[in-house]
Amino acid sequence: MGNGVIILSIIALLFLSIYGFTYGSIALAKVKQKKAEKKALMLEEIRLEERKRRQAIRDEKLKEQNKRREEIKRELKLLEEKKLNNERLNAMRVEKMKEKKVS
């Protein structure tokens, strides 16, 4: 009878260890999965921040380009006005010279 209790306790211990091993591996897999999800989430946040930073840089460059474009347009307009004024001045001078020659 004493040996029977020992054998039953060994069998119970065997079943408990099998259950513990099975549950432990499942629990370990869940922990690994949660860790992987957390890492993926962090990587996604990092990518998002990087995209925002790059977009801010692109926006700043675009803003500078637009500012430069406006400056160039303004300069071209001033040069065109200057050219028109010079042409008018030259035309007036030519007219005055013709009037002097005619008179």
N, C-alpha and C. Protein backbone atom coordinates (compact mmCIF):
# COMPACT_ATOMS: atom_id res chain seq x y z
N MET A 1 0.80 -1.17 0.00
CA MET A 1 0.00 0.00 0.00
C MET A 1 0.86 1.26 0.00
N GLY A 2 1.96 1.25 0.70
CA GLY A 2 2.85 2.40 0.74
C GLY A 2 3.46 2.68 -0.61
N ASN A 3 3.74 1.59 -1.33
CA ASN A 3 4.31 1.77 -2.66
C ASN A 3 3.26 2.32 -3.63
N GLY A 4 2.01 1.98 -3.42
CA GLY A 4 0.92 2.47 -4.28
C GLY A 4 0.75 3.97 -4.18
N VAL A 5 0.87 4.51 -2.95
CA VAL A 5 0.76 5.95 -2.73
C VAL A 5 1.92 6.66 -3.42
N ILE A 6 3.08 6.08 -3.33
CA ILE A 6 4.27 6.68 -3.97
C ILE A 6 4.08 6.68 -5.48
N ILE A 7 3.60 5.56 -6.02
CA ILE A 7 3.40 5.48 -7.47
C ILE A 7 2.33 6.46 -7.93
N LEU A 8 1.23 6.57 -7.16
CA LEU A 8 0.17 7.53 -7.50
C LEU A 8 0.69 8.96 -7.42
N SER A 9 1.49 9.25 -6.42
CA SER A 9 2.04 10.61 -6.30
C SER A 9 3.01 10.89 -7.45
N ILE A 10 3.78 9.88 -7.87
CA ILE A 10 4.69 10.07 -9.00
C ILE A 10 3.89 10.31 -10.28
N ILE A 11 2.82 9.55 -10.48
CA ILE A 11 1.98 9.73 -11.67
C ILE A 11 1.31 11.10 -11.64
N ALA A 12 0.82 11.52 -10.47
CA ALA A 12 0.21 12.85 -10.34
C ALA A 12 1.24 13.93 -10.62
N LEU A 13 2.44 13.76 -10.11
CA LEU A 13 3.52 14.71 -10.35
C LEU A 13 3.86 14.76 -11.84
N LEU A 14 3.85 13.59 -12.49
CA LEU A 14 4.11 13.53 -13.92
C LEU A 14 3.06 14.31 -14.70
N PHE A 15 1.77 14.09 -14.38
CA PHE A 15 0.71 14.81 -15.07
C PHE A 15 0.78 16.32 -14.80
N LEU A 16 1.08 16.69 -13.56
CA LEU A 16 1.23 18.11 -13.22
C LEU A 16 2.39 18.74 -13.98
N SER A 17 3.49 18.01 -14.11
CA SER A 17 4.64 18.57 -14.83
C SER A 17 4.32 18.71 -16.33
N ILE A 18 3.58 17.73 -16.89
CA ILE A 18 3.18 17.84 -18.31
C ILE A 18 2.26 19.04 -18.49
N TYR A 19 1.30 19.21 -17.59
CA TYR A 19 0.39 20.35 -17.66
C TYR A 19 1.17 21.66 -17.52
N GLY A 20 2.07 21.70 -16.55
CA GLY A 20 2.88 22.91 -16.34
C GLY A 20 3.75 23.23 -17.55
N PHE A 21 4.32 22.21 -18.15
CA PHE A 21 5.15 22.41 -19.33
C PHE A 21 4.32 22.96 -20.49
N THR A 22 3.14 22.37 -20.69
CA THR A 22 2.25 22.81 -21.77
C THR A 22 1.79 24.25 -21.54
N TYR A 23 1.32 24.52 -20.33
CA TYR A 23 0.85 25.87 -20.02
C TYR A 23 2.00 26.87 -20.09
N GLY A 24 3.16 26.48 -19.61
CA GLY A 24 4.33 27.36 -19.64
C GLY A 24 4.72 27.75 -21.06
N SER A 25 4.70 26.80 -21.96
CA SER A 25 5.06 27.11 -23.35
C SER A 25 4.02 28.03 -24.00
N ILE A 26 2.74 27.80 -23.66
CA ILE A 26 1.68 28.68 -24.19
C ILE A 26 1.84 30.08 -23.62
N ALA A 27 2.08 30.17 -22.33
CA ALA A 27 2.26 31.47 -21.69
C ALA A 27 3.48 32.18 -22.27
N LEU A 28 4.55 31.45 -22.48
CA LEU A 28 5.77 32.02 -23.06
C LEU A 28 5.50 32.53 -24.48
N ALA A 29 4.72 31.79 -25.26
CA ALA A 29 4.37 32.21 -26.62
C ALA A 29 3.55 33.50 -26.58
N LYS A 30 2.62 33.61 -25.61
CA LYS A 30 1.81 34.82 -25.48
C LYS A 30 2.68 36.02 -25.12
N VAL A 31 3.62 35.80 -24.20
CA VAL A 31 4.52 36.88 -23.80
C VAL A 31 5.36 37.34 -25.00
N LYS A 32 5.87 36.37 -25.76
CA LYS A 32 6.66 36.72 -26.95
C LYS A 32 5.82 37.47 -27.97
N GLN A 33 4.58 37.06 -28.14
CA GLN A 33 3.69 37.72 -29.09
C GLN A 33 3.41 39.15 -28.66
N LYS A 34 3.14 39.35 -27.37
CA LYS A 34 2.89 40.70 -26.87
C LYS A 34 4.13 41.57 -27.04
N LYS A 35 5.29 41.00 -26.79
CA LYS A 35 6.54 41.73 -26.94
C LYS A 35 6.74 42.13 -28.40
N ALA A 36 6.45 41.20 -29.32
CA ALA A 36 6.59 41.48 -30.76
C ALA A 36 5.60 42.56 -31.20
N GLU A 37 4.36 42.50 -30.69
CA GLU A 37 3.37 43.53 -31.02
C GLU A 37 3.81 44.89 -30.50
N LYS A 38 4.33 44.91 -29.29
CA LYS A 38 4.80 46.16 -28.70
C LYS A 38 5.95 46.74 -29.52
N LYS A 39 6.87 45.87 -29.95
CA LYS A 39 8.00 46.31 -30.75
C LYS A 39 7.52 46.84 -32.10
N ALA A 40 6.55 46.14 -32.72
CA ALA A 40 6.01 46.59 -34.00
C ALA A 40 5.32 47.95 -33.84
N LEU A 41 4.61 48.13 -32.75
CA LEU A 41 3.94 49.40 -32.49
C LEU A 41 4.96 50.52 -32.32
N MET A 42 6.03 50.24 -31.60
CA MET A 42 7.09 51.24 -31.42
C MET A 42 7.73 51.60 -32.75
N LEU A 43 8.00 50.58 -33.57
CA LEU A 43 8.59 50.83 -34.89
C LEU A 43 7.66 51.67 -35.76
N GLU A 44 6.36 51.39 -35.67
CA GLU A 44 5.39 52.17 -36.45
C GLU A 44 5.37 53.62 -35.97
N GLU A 45 5.44 53.83 -34.66
CA GLU A 45 5.48 55.19 -34.12
C GLU A 45 6.74 55.91 -34.59
N ILE A 46 7.85 55.20 -34.59
CA ILE A 46 9.11 55.80 -35.05
C ILE A 46 9.00 56.18 -36.52
N ARG A 47 8.43 55.29 -37.32
CA ARG A 47 8.25 55.59 -38.75
C ARG A 47 7.35 56.81 -38.94
N LEU A 48 6.28 56.86 -38.15
CA LEU A 48 5.36 57.98 -38.25
C LEU A 48 6.05 59.30 -37.90
N GLU A 49 6.82 59.28 -36.82
CA GLU A 49 7.57 60.48 -36.43
C GLU A 49 8.57 60.88 -37.51
N GLU A 50 9.22 59.89 -38.09
CA GLU A 50 10.18 60.16 -39.16
C GLU A 50 9.48 60.78 -40.37
N ARG A 51 8.30 60.25 -40.71
CA ARG A 51 7.53 60.82 -41.83
C ARG A 51 7.14 62.27 -41.53
N LYS A 52 6.70 62.51 -40.30
CA LYS A 52 6.33 63.88 -39.92
C LYS A 52 7.52 64.82 -40.02
N ARG A 53 8.68 64.34 -39.56
CA ARG A 53 9.89 65.17 -39.61
C ARG A 53 10.27 65.46 -41.05
N ARG A 54 10.22 64.43 -41.90
CA ARG A 54 10.57 64.63 -43.32
C ARG A 54 9.57 65.55 -44.00
N GLN A 55 8.29 65.40 -43.65
CA GLN A 55 7.27 66.27 -44.24
C GLN A 55 7.50 67.72 -43.83
N ALA A 56 7.87 67.93 -42.57
CA ALA A 56 8.16 69.28 -42.10
C ALA A 56 9.34 69.87 -42.87
N ILE A 57 10.36 69.06 -43.13
CA ILE A 57 11.51 69.52 -43.90
C ILE A 57 11.08 69.87 -45.32
N ARG A 58 10.26 68.99 -45.94
CA ARG A 58 9.77 69.27 -47.30
C ARG A 58 8.93 70.55 -47.33
N ASP A 59 8.08 70.72 -46.33
CA ASP A 59 7.24 71.92 -46.27
C ASP A 59 8.10 73.17 -46.16
N GLU A 60 9.14 73.09 -45.35
CA GLU A 60 10.04 74.24 -45.18
C GLU A 60 10.75 74.55 -46.49
N LYS A 61 11.23 73.53 -47.17
CA LYS A 61 11.90 73.74 -48.46
C LYS A 61 10.93 74.34 -49.48
N LEU A 62 9.70 73.83 -49.50
CA LEU A 62 8.70 74.35 -50.43
C LEU A 62 8.40 75.81 -50.13
N LYS A 63 8.32 76.13 -48.85
CA LYS A 63 8.07 77.51 -48.44
C LYS A 63 9.20 78.42 -48.91
N GLU A 64 10.44 77.96 -48.75
CA GLU A 64 11.59 78.74 -49.21
C GLU A 64 11.58 78.89 -50.72
N GLN A 65 11.23 77.82 -51.44
CA GLN A 65 11.18 77.88 -52.90
C GLN A 65 10.11 78.87 -53.37
N ASN A 66 8.95 78.81 -52.73
CA ASN A 66 7.88 79.73 -53.10
C ASN A 66 8.28 81.18 -52.82
N LYS A 67 8.95 81.39 -51.71
CA LYS A 67 9.41 82.74 -51.37
C LYS A 67 10.40 83.22 -52.42
N ARG A 68 11.34 82.35 -52.79
CA ARG A 68 12.33 82.71 -53.81
C ARG A 68 11.65 82.96 -55.15
N ARG A 69 10.66 82.13 -55.49
CA ARG A 69 9.92 82.30 -56.74
C ARG A 69 9.25 83.67 -56.79
N GLU A 70 8.63 84.06 -55.67
CA GLU A 70 7.98 85.37 -55.61
C GLU A 70 9.00 86.50 -55.75
N GLU A 71 10.15 86.33 -55.12
CA GLU A 71 11.20 87.34 -55.25
C GLU A 71 11.64 87.48 -56.71
N ILE A 72 11.82 86.35 -57.38
CA ILE A 72 12.24 86.37 -58.78
C ILE A 72 11.16 87.02 -59.64
N LYS A 73 9.90 86.69 -59.40
CA LYS A 73 8.81 87.31 -60.16
C LYS A 73 8.81 88.83 -59.96
N ARG A 74 8.99 89.23 -58.71
CA ARG A 74 9.02 90.65 -58.39
C ARG A 74 10.17 91.34 -59.12
N GLU A 75 11.35 90.71 -59.09
CA GLU A 75 12.52 91.27 -59.78
C GLU A 75 12.28 91.37 -61.28
N LEU A 76 11.71 90.31 -61.86
CA LEU A 76 11.43 90.34 -63.30
C LEU A 76 10.43 91.44 -63.64
N LYS A 77 9.43 91.61 -62.80
CA LYS A 77 8.45 92.66 -63.03
C LYS A 77 9.12 94.04 -62.97
N LEU A 78 9.98 94.22 -61.98
CA LEU A 78 10.69 95.50 -61.87
C LEU A 78 11.58 95.74 -63.09
N LEU A 79 12.27 94.70 -63.54
CA LEU A 79 13.13 94.84 -64.72
C LEU A 79 12.30 95.15 -65.96
N GLU A 80 11.15 94.52 -66.08
CA GLU A 80 10.28 94.77 -67.22
C GLU A 80 9.78 96.21 -67.20
N GLU A 81 9.38 96.69 -66.01
CA GLU A 81 8.93 98.07 -65.88
C GLU A 81 10.06 99.03 -66.23
N LYS A 82 11.26 98.69 -65.77
CA LYS A 82 12.42 99.53 -66.06
C LYS A 82 12.67 99.57 -67.57
N LYS A 83 12.54 98.42 -68.20
CA LYS A 83 12.75 98.34 -69.64
C LYS A 83 11.71 99.19 -70.37
N LEU A 84 10.44 99.10 -69.95
CA LEU A 84 9.39 99.91 -70.56
C LEU A 84 9.65 101.40 -70.36
N ASN A 85 10.08 101.76 -69.17
CA ASN A 85 10.38 103.16 -68.89
C ASN A 85 11.54 103.65 -69.77
N ASN A 86 12.56 102.79 -69.91
CA ASN A 86 13.70 103.17 -70.76
C ASN A 86 13.26 103.31 -72.22
N GLU A 87 12.40 102.41 -72.68
CA GLU A 87 11.90 102.50 -74.05
C GLU A 87 11.09 103.78 -74.25
N ARG A 88 10.25 104.10 -73.28
CA ARG A 88 9.46 105.35 -73.37
C ARG A 88 10.38 106.56 -73.37
N LEU A 89 11.37 106.52 -72.49
CA LEU A 89 12.32 107.63 -72.42
C LEU A 89 13.05 107.79 -73.75
N ASN A 90 13.51 106.68 -74.30
CA ASN A 90 14.21 106.73 -75.58
C ASN A 90 13.28 107.23 -76.68
N ALA A 91 12.03 106.79 -76.67
CA ALA A 91 11.07 107.26 -77.67
C ALA A 91 10.85 108.76 -77.54
N MET A 92 10.75 109.24 -76.31
CA MET A 92 10.56 110.68 -76.08
C MET A 92 11.79 111.45 -76.56
N ARG A 93 12.97 110.91 -76.30
CA ARG A 93 14.21 111.57 -76.74
C ARG A 93 14.28 111.62 -78.27
N VAL A 94 13.88 110.52 -78.89
CA VAL A 94 13.88 110.48 -80.35
C VAL A 94 12.91 111.52 -80.90
N GLU A 95 11.73 111.61 -80.28
CA GLU A 95 10.74 112.60 -80.71
C GLU A 95 11.28 114.01 -80.55
N LYS A 96 11.94 114.28 -79.43
CA LYS A 96 12.50 115.61 -79.19
C LYS A 96 13.58 115.91 -80.23
N MET A 97 14.40 114.91 -80.55
CA MET A 97 15.46 115.12 -81.54
C MET A 97 14.85 115.37 -82.92
N LYS A 98 13.78 114.65 -83.23
CA LYS A 98 13.11 114.88 -84.52
C LYS A 98 12.51 116.27 -84.57
N GLU A 99 11.91 116.71 -83.46
CA GLU A 99 11.33 118.06 -83.40
C GLU A 99 12.40 119.12 -83.57
N LYS A 100 13.56 118.90 -82.96
CA LYS A 100 14.66 119.86 -83.08
C LYS A 100 15.16 119.92 -84.52
N LYS A 101 15.25 118.76 -85.17
CA LYS A 101 15.71 118.72 -86.55
C LYS A 101 14.68 119.37 -87.47
N VAL A 102 13.42 119.17 -87.20
CA VAL A 102 12.37 119.73 -88.04
C VAL A 102 12.30 121.24 -87.84
N SER A 103 12.54 121.69 -86.64
CA SER A 103 12.41 123.12 -86.39
C SER A 103 13.54 123.90 -86.88
